[in-house]
Amino acid sequence: ARRRSAKFNALVDKYSLKIPIVGDI
């Protein structure tokens, strides 16, 4: 899904930045 869907990829990138501690890194 990450490889084929630009929308899904953008969604993952957006919420990955909100992961505690790791998102800040």
PDB file of all heavy atoms in Angstrom:
ATOM      1  N   ALA A   1       0.842  -1.213   0.000  1.00  0.00           N
ATOM      2  CA  ALA A   1       0.000   0.000   0.000  1.00  0.00           C
ATOM      3  C   ALA A   1       0.871   1.255   0.000  1.00  0.00           C
ATOM      4  O   ALA A   1       0.571   2.232  -0.699  1.00  0.00           O
ATOM      5  CB  ALA A   1      -0.919  -0.016   1.216  1.00  0.00           C
ATOM      6  N   ARG A   2       1.966   1.219   0.766  1.00  0.00           N
ATOM      7  CA  ARG A   2       2.889   2.362   0.794  1.00  0.00           C
ATOM      8  C   ARG A   2       3.558   2.557  -0.563  1.00  0.00           C
ATOM      9  O   ARG A   2       3.799   3.684  -0.993  1.00  0.00           O
ATOM     10  CB  ARG A   2       3.971   2.149   1.857  1.00  0.00           C
ATOM     11  CG  ARG A   2       3.508   2.408   3.262  1.00  0.00           C
ATOM     12  CD  ARG A   2       4.614   2.936   4.140  1.00  0.00           C
ATOM     13  NE  ARG A   2       4.986   4.307   3.783  1.00  0.00           N
ATOM     14  CZ  ARG A   2       5.834   5.046   4.470  1.00  0.00           C
ATOM     15  NH1 ARG A   2       6.392   4.567   5.547  1.00  0.00           N
ATOM     16  NH2 ARG A   2       6.140   6.256   4.092  1.00  0.00           N
ATOM     17  N   ARG A   3       3.847   1.454  -1.224  1.00  0.00           N
ATOM     18  CA  ARG A   3       4.546   1.522  -2.506  1.00  0.00           C
ATOM     19  C   ARG A   3       3.626   1.998  -3.631  1.00  0.00           C
ATOM     20  O   ARG A   3       4.047   2.740  -4.509  1.00  0.00           O
ATOM     21  CB  ARG A   3       5.094   0.126  -2.845  1.00  0.00           C
ATOM     22  CG  ARG A   3       6.028   0.116  -4.053  1.00  0.00           C
ATOM     23  CD  ARG A   3       6.492  -1.296  -4.357  1.00  0.00           C
ATOM     24  NE  ARG A   3       7.312  -1.837  -3.285  1.00  0.00           N
ATOM     25  CZ  ARG A   3       7.708  -3.104  -3.224  1.00  0.00           C
ATOM     26  NH1 ARG A   3       7.338  -3.959  -4.155  1.00  0.00           N
ATOM     27  NH2 ARG A   3       8.462  -3.517  -2.231  1.00  0.00           N
ATOM     28  N   ARG A   4       2.341   1.596  -3.571  1.00  0.00           N
ATOM     29  CA  ARG A   4       1.441   1.843  -4.703  1.00  0.00           C
ATOM     30  C   ARG A   4       0.529   3.057  -4.526  1.00  0.00           C
ATOM     31  O   ARG A   4       0.104   3.653  -5.507  1.00  0.00           O
ATOM     32  CB  ARG A   4       0.563   0.597  -4.949  1.00  0.00           C
ATOM     33  CG  ARG A   4       1.362  -0.622  -5.364  1.00  0.00           C
ATOM     34  CD  ARG A   4       0.486  -1.870  -5.361  1.00  0.00           C
ATOM     35  NE  ARG A   4       1.259  -3.078  -5.602  1.00  0.00           N
ATOM     36  CZ  ARG A   4       1.499  -3.590  -6.793  1.00  0.00           C
ATOM     37  NH1 ARG A   4       1.042  -2.981  -7.862  1.00  0.00           N
ATOM     38  NH2 ARG A   4       2.213  -4.700  -6.923  1.00  0.00           N
ATOM     39  N   SER A   5       0.187   3.386  -3.279  1.00  0.00           N
ATOM     40  CA  SER A   5      -0.779   4.472  -3.041  1.00  0.00           C
ATOM     41  C   SER A   5      -0.085   5.704  -2.456  1.00  0.00           C
ATOM     42  O   SER A   5       0.423   5.666  -1.333  1.00  0.00           O
ATOM     43  CB  SER A   5      -1.882   3.980  -2.095  1.00  0.00           C
ATOM     44  OG  SER A   5      -2.700   5.056  -1.696  1.00  0.00           O
ATOM     45  N   ALA A   6      -0.099   6.799  -3.211  1.00  0.00           N
ATOM     46  CA  ALA A   6       0.517   8.054  -2.746  1.00  0.00           C
ATOM     47  C   ALA A   6      -0.270   8.632  -1.564  1.00  0.00           C
ATOM     48  O   ALA A   6       0.306   9.210  -0.639  1.00  0.00           O
ATOM     49  CB  ALA A   6       0.562   9.062  -3.888  1.00  0.00           C
ATOM     50  N   LYS A   7      -1.615   8.465  -1.596  1.00  0.00           N
ATOM     51  CA  LYS A   7      -2.470   8.975  -0.509  1.00  0.00           C
ATOM     52  C   LYS A   7      -2.164   8.265   0.805  1.00  0.00           C
ATOM     53  O   LYS A   7      -2.009   8.888   1.849  1.00  0.00           O
ATOM     54  CB  LYS A   7      -3.946   8.767  -0.867  1.00  0.00           C
ATOM     55  CG  LYS A   7      -4.620  10.011  -1.403  1.00  0.00           C
ATOM     56  CD  LYS A   7      -6.096   9.756  -1.574  1.00  0.00           C
ATOM     57  CE  LYS A   7      -6.743  10.990  -2.208  1.00  0.00           C
ATOM     58  NZ  LYS A   7      -8.185  10.779  -2.467  1.00  0.00           N
ATOM     59  N   PHE A   8      -2.094   6.935   0.734  1.00  0.00           N
ATOM     60  CA  PHE A   8      -1.808   6.139   1.936  1.00  0.00           C
ATOM     61  C   PHE A   8      -0.412   6.462   2.466  1.00  0.00           C
ATOM     62  O   PHE A   8      -0.210   6.592   3.670  1.00  0.00           O
ATOM     63  CB  PHE A   8      -1.926   4.643   1.616  1.00  0.00           C
ATOM     64  CG  PHE A   8      -1.675   3.736   2.792  1.00  0.00           C
ATOM     65  CD1 PHE A   8      -2.623   3.587   3.788  1.00  0.00           C
ATOM     66  CD2 PHE A   8      -0.472   3.048   2.911  1.00  0.00           C
ATOM     67  CE1 PHE A   8      -2.395   2.760   4.882  1.00  0.00           C
ATOM     68  CE2 PHE A   8      -0.223   2.224   4.002  1.00  0.00           C
ATOM     69  CZ  PHE A   8      -1.192   2.083   4.984  1.00  0.00           C
ATOM     70  N   ASN A   9       0.523   6.608   1.554  1.00  0.00           N
ATOM     71  CA  ASN A   9       1.910   6.939   1.925  1.00  0.00           C
ATOM     72  C   ASN A   9       1.967   8.283   2.651  1.00  0.00           C
ATOM     73  O   ASN A   9       2.659   8.430   3.653  1.00  0.00           O
ATOM     74  CB  ASN A   9       2.775   6.973   0.661  1.00  0.00           C
ATOM     75  CG  ASN A   9       4.245   6.837   0.973  1.00  0.00           C
ATOM     76  OD1 ASN A   9       4.630   6.243   1.975  1.00  0.00           O
ATOM     77  ND2 ASN A   9       5.078   7.402   0.131  1.00  0.00           N
ATOM     78  N   ALA A  10       1.221   9.258   2.128  1.00  0.00           N
ATOM     79  CA  ALA A  10       1.185  10.594   2.749  1.00  0.00           C
ATOM     80  C   ALA A  10       0.556  10.520   4.140  1.00  0.00           C
ATOM     81  O   ALA A  10       1.001  11.204   5.072  1.00  0.00           O
ATOM     82  CB  ALA A  10       0.390  11.547   1.862  1.00  0.00           C
ATOM     83  N   LEU A  11      -0.467   9.674   4.278  1.00  0.00           N
ATOM     84  CA  LEU A  11      -1.148   9.503   5.567  1.00  0.00           C
ATOM     85  C   LEU A  11      -0.199   8.894   6.607  1.00  0.00           C
ATOM     86  O   LEU A  11      -0.145   9.343   7.758  1.00  0.00           O
ATOM     87  CB  LEU A  11      -2.376   8.605   5.381  1.00  0.00           C
ATOM     88  CG  LEU A  11      -3.485   8.720   6.436  1.00  0.00           C
ATOM     89  CD1 LEU A  11      -4.152  10.089   6.369  1.00  0.00           C
ATOM     90  CD2 LEU A  11      -4.515   7.617   6.242  1.00  0.00           C
ATOM     91  N   VAL A  12       0.561   7.876   6.177  1.00  0.00           N
ATOM     92  CA  VAL A  12       1.538   7.225   7.074  1.00  0.00           C
ATOM     93  C   VAL A  12       2.614   8.224   7.483  1.00  0.00           C
ATOM     94  O   VAL A  12       2.988   8.304   8.661  1.00  0.00           O
ATOM     95  CB  VAL A  12       2.168   5.990   6.395  1.00  0.00           C
ATOM     96  CG1 VAL A  12       3.331   5.437   7.221  1.00  0.00           C
ATOM     97  CG2 VAL A  12       1.129   4.894   6.192  1.00  0.00           C
ATOM     98  N   ASP A  13       3.113   9.004   6.508  1.00  0.00           N
ATOM     99  CA  ASP A  13       4.143  10.011   6.802  1.00  0.00           C
ATOM    100  C   ASP A  13       3.640  11.056   7.799  1.00  0.00           C
ATOM    101  O   ASP A  13       4.375  11.497   8.687  1.00  0.00           O
ATOM    102  CB  ASP A  13       4.575  10.711   5.508  1.00  0.00           C
ATOM    103  CG  ASP A  13       5.499   9.840   4.667  1.00  0.00           C
ATOM    104  OD1 ASP A  13       6.015   8.846   5.204  1.00  0.00           O
ATOM    105  OD2 ASP A  13       5.689  10.141   3.474  1.00  0.00           O
ATOM    106  N   LYS A  14       2.369  11.422   7.653  1.00  0.00           N
ATOM    107  CA  LYS A  14       1.776  12.441   8.531  1.00  0.00           C
ATOM    108  C   LYS A  14       1.694  11.937   9.974  1.00  0.00           C
ATOM    109  O   LYS A  14       2.100  12.629  10.911  1.00  0.00           O
ATOM    110  CB  LYS A  14       0.382  12.803   8.008  1.00  0.00           C
ATOM    111  CG  LYS A  14      -0.332  13.852   8.853  1.00  0.00           C
ATOM    112  CD  LYS A  14      -1.731  14.110   8.315  1.00  0.00           C
ATOM    113  CE  LYS A  14      -2.498  15.077   9.230  1.00  0.00           C
ATOM    114  NZ  LYS A  14      -3.892  15.300   8.744  1.00  0.00           N
ATOM    115  N   TYR A  15       1.158  10.722  10.138  1.00  0.00           N
ATOM    116  CA  TYR A  15       0.939  10.208  11.500  1.00  0.00           C
ATOM    117  C   TYR A  15       2.204   9.622  12.130  1.00  0.00           C
ATOM    118  O   TYR A  15       2.277   9.498  13.348  1.00  0.00           O
ATOM    119  CB  TYR A  15      -0.196   9.181  11.498  1.00  0.00           C
ATOM    120  CG  TYR A  15      -1.549   9.844  11.349  1.00  0.00           C
ATOM    121  CD1 TYR A  15      -2.223   9.821  10.128  1.00  0.00           C
ATOM    122  CD2 TYR A  15      -2.132  10.522  12.411  1.00  0.00           C
ATOM    123  CE1 TYR A  15      -3.449  10.452   9.976  1.00  0.00           C
ATOM    124  CE2 TYR A  15      -3.353  11.163  12.270  1.00  0.00           C
ATOM    125  CZ  TYR A  15      -4.010  11.128  11.052  1.00  0.00           C
ATOM    126  OH  TYR A  15      -5.217  11.769  10.909  1.00  0.00           O
ATOM    127  N   SER A  16       3.188   9.265  11.304  1.00  0.00           N
ATOM    128  CA  SER A  16       4.449   8.765  11.869  1.00  0.00           C
ATOM    129  C   SER A  16       5.181   9.856  12.652  1.00  0.00           C
ATOM    130  O   SER A  16       5.923   9.574  13.593  1.00  0.00           O
ATOM    131  CB  SER A  16       5.358   8.222  10.763  1.00  0.00           C
ATOM    132  OG  SER A  16       5.727   9.258   9.870  1.00  0.00           O
ATOM    133  N   LEU A  17       4.946  11.115  12.275  1.00  0.00           N
ATOM    134  CA  LEU A  17       5.568  12.240  12.989  1.00  0.00           C
ATOM    135  C   LEU A  17       4.919  12.487  14.352  1.00  0.00           C
ATOM    136  O   LEU A  17       5.450  13.241  15.167  1.00  0.00           O
ATOM    137  CB  LEU A  17       5.481  13.513  12.136  1.00  0.00           C
ATOM    138  CG  LEU A  17       6.295  13.513  10.834  1.00  0.00           C
ATOM    139  CD1 LEU A  17       5.966  14.733  10.007  1.00  0.00           C
ATOM    140  CD2 LEU A  17       7.786  13.455  11.124  1.00  0.00           C
ATOM    141  N   LYS A  18       3.751  11.853  14.591  1.00  0.00           N
ATOM    142  CA  LYS A  18       3.039  12.040  15.862  1.00  0.00           C
ATOM    143  C   LYS A  18       3.295  10.909  16.853  1.00  0.00           C
ATOM    144  O   LYS A  18       2.745  10.914  17.953  1.00  0.00           O
ATOM    145  CB  LYS A  18       1.539  12.174  15.583  1.00  0.00           C
ATOM    146  CG  LYS A  18       1.203  13.415  14.755  1.00  0.00           C
ATOM    147  CD  LYS A  18      -0.279  13.560  14.511  1.00  0.00           C
ATOM    148  CE  LYS A  18      -0.565  14.815  13.682  1.00  0.00           C
ATOM    149  NZ  LYS A  18      -2.006  14.996  13.429  1.00  0.00           N
ATOM    150  N   ILE A  19       4.127   9.935  16.450  1.00  0.00           N
ATOM    151  CA  ILE A  19       4.462   8.837  17.367  1.00  0.00           C
ATOM    152  C   ILE A  19       5.296   9.403  18.517  1.00  0.00           C
ATOM    153  O   ILE A  19       6.253  10.144  18.278  1.00  0.00           O
ATOM    154  CB  ILE A  19       5.268   7.729  16.633  1.00  0.00           C
ATOM    155  CG1 ILE A  19       4.461   7.156  15.469  1.00  0.00           C
ATOM    156  CG2 ILE A  19       5.662   6.611  17.595  1.00  0.00           C
ATOM    157  CD1 ILE A  19       5.260   6.242  14.562  1.00  0.00           C
ATOM    158  N   PRO A  20       4.945   9.081  19.765  1.00  0.00           N
ATOM    159  CA  PRO A  20       5.727   9.612  20.904  1.00  0.00           C
ATOM    160  C   PRO A  20       7.209   9.259  20.794  1.00  0.00           C
ATOM    161  O   PRO A  20       7.565   8.150  20.400  1.00  0.00           O
ATOM    162  CB  PRO A  20       5.086   8.903  22.113  1.00  0.00           C
ATOM    163  CG  PRO A  20       3.719   8.519  21.663  1.00  0.00           C
ATOM    164  CD  PRO A  20       3.826   8.239  20.198  1.00  0.00           C
ATOM    165  N   ILE A  21       8.056  10.195  21.120  1.00  0.00           N
ATOM    166  CA  ILE A  21       9.532  10.092  21.146  1.00  0.00           C
ATOM    167  C   ILE A  21      10.106   9.866  19.743  1.00  0.00           C
ATOM    168  O   ILE A  21      10.876  10.674  19.237  1.00  0.00           O
ATOM    169  CB  ILE A  21      10.020   8.983  22.111  1.00  0.00           C
ATOM    170  CG1 ILE A  21       9.454   9.210  23.516  1.00  0.00           C
ATOM    171  CG2 ILE A  21      11.557   8.952  22.163  1.00  0.00           C
ATOM    172  CD1 ILE A  21       9.715   8.082  24.499  1.00  0.00           C
ATOM    173  N   VAL A  22       9.725   8.765  19.104  1.00  0.00           N
ATOM    174  CA  VAL A  22      10.265   8.430  17.775  1.00  0.00           C
ATOM    175  C   VAL A  22       9.864   9.484  16.745  1.00  0.00           C
ATOM    176  O   VAL A  22      10.660   9.858  15.875  1.00  0.00           O
ATOM    177  CB  VAL A  22       9.793   7.021  17.327  1.00  0.00           C
ATOM    178  CG1 VAL A  22      10.241   6.725  15.900  1.00  0.00           C
ATOM    179  CG2 VAL A  22      10.326   5.958  18.271  1.00  0.00           C
ATOM    180  N   GLY A  23       8.620   9.981  16.836  1.00  0.00           N
ATOM    181  CA  GLY A  23       8.137  11.006  15.904  1.00  0.00           C
ATOM    182  C   GLY A  23       8.983  12.268  15.959  1.00  0.00           C
ATOM    183  O   GLY A  23       9.273  12.877  14.926  1.00  0.00           O
ATOM    184  N   ASP A  24       9.396  12.655  17.167  1.00  0.00           N
ATOM    185  CA  ASP A  24      10.233  13.852  17.340  1.00  0.00           C
ATOM    186  C   ASP A  24      11.609  13.647  16.711  1.00  0.00           C
ATOM    187  O   ASP A  24      12.159  14.566  16.095  1.00  0.00           O
ATOM    188  CB  ASP A  24      10.374  14.171  18.833  1.00  0.00           C
ATOM    189  CG  ASP A  24      11.092  15.489  19.068  1.00  0.00           C
ATOM    190  OD1 ASP A  24      10.695  16.495  18.468  1.00  0.00           O
ATOM    191  OD2 ASP A  24      12.080  15.501  19.831  1.00  0.00           O
ATOM    192  N   ILE A  25      12.154  12.438  16.844  1.00  0.00           N
ATOM    193  CA  ILE A  25      13.458  12.130  16.228  1.00  0.00           C
ATOM    194  C   ILE A  25      13.346  12.200  14.709  1.00  0.00           C
ATOM    195  O   ILE A  25      14.215  12.764  14.030  1.00  0.00           O
ATOM    196  CB  ILE A  25      13.953  10.731  16.674  1.00  0.00           C
ATOM    197  CG1 ILE A  25      14.252  10.731  18.179  1.00  0.00           C
ATOM    198  CG2 ILE A  25      15.198  10.315  15.894  1.00  0.00           C
ATOM    199  CD1 ILE A  25      14.569   9.366  18.746  1.00  0.00           C
TER     200      ILE A  25
END
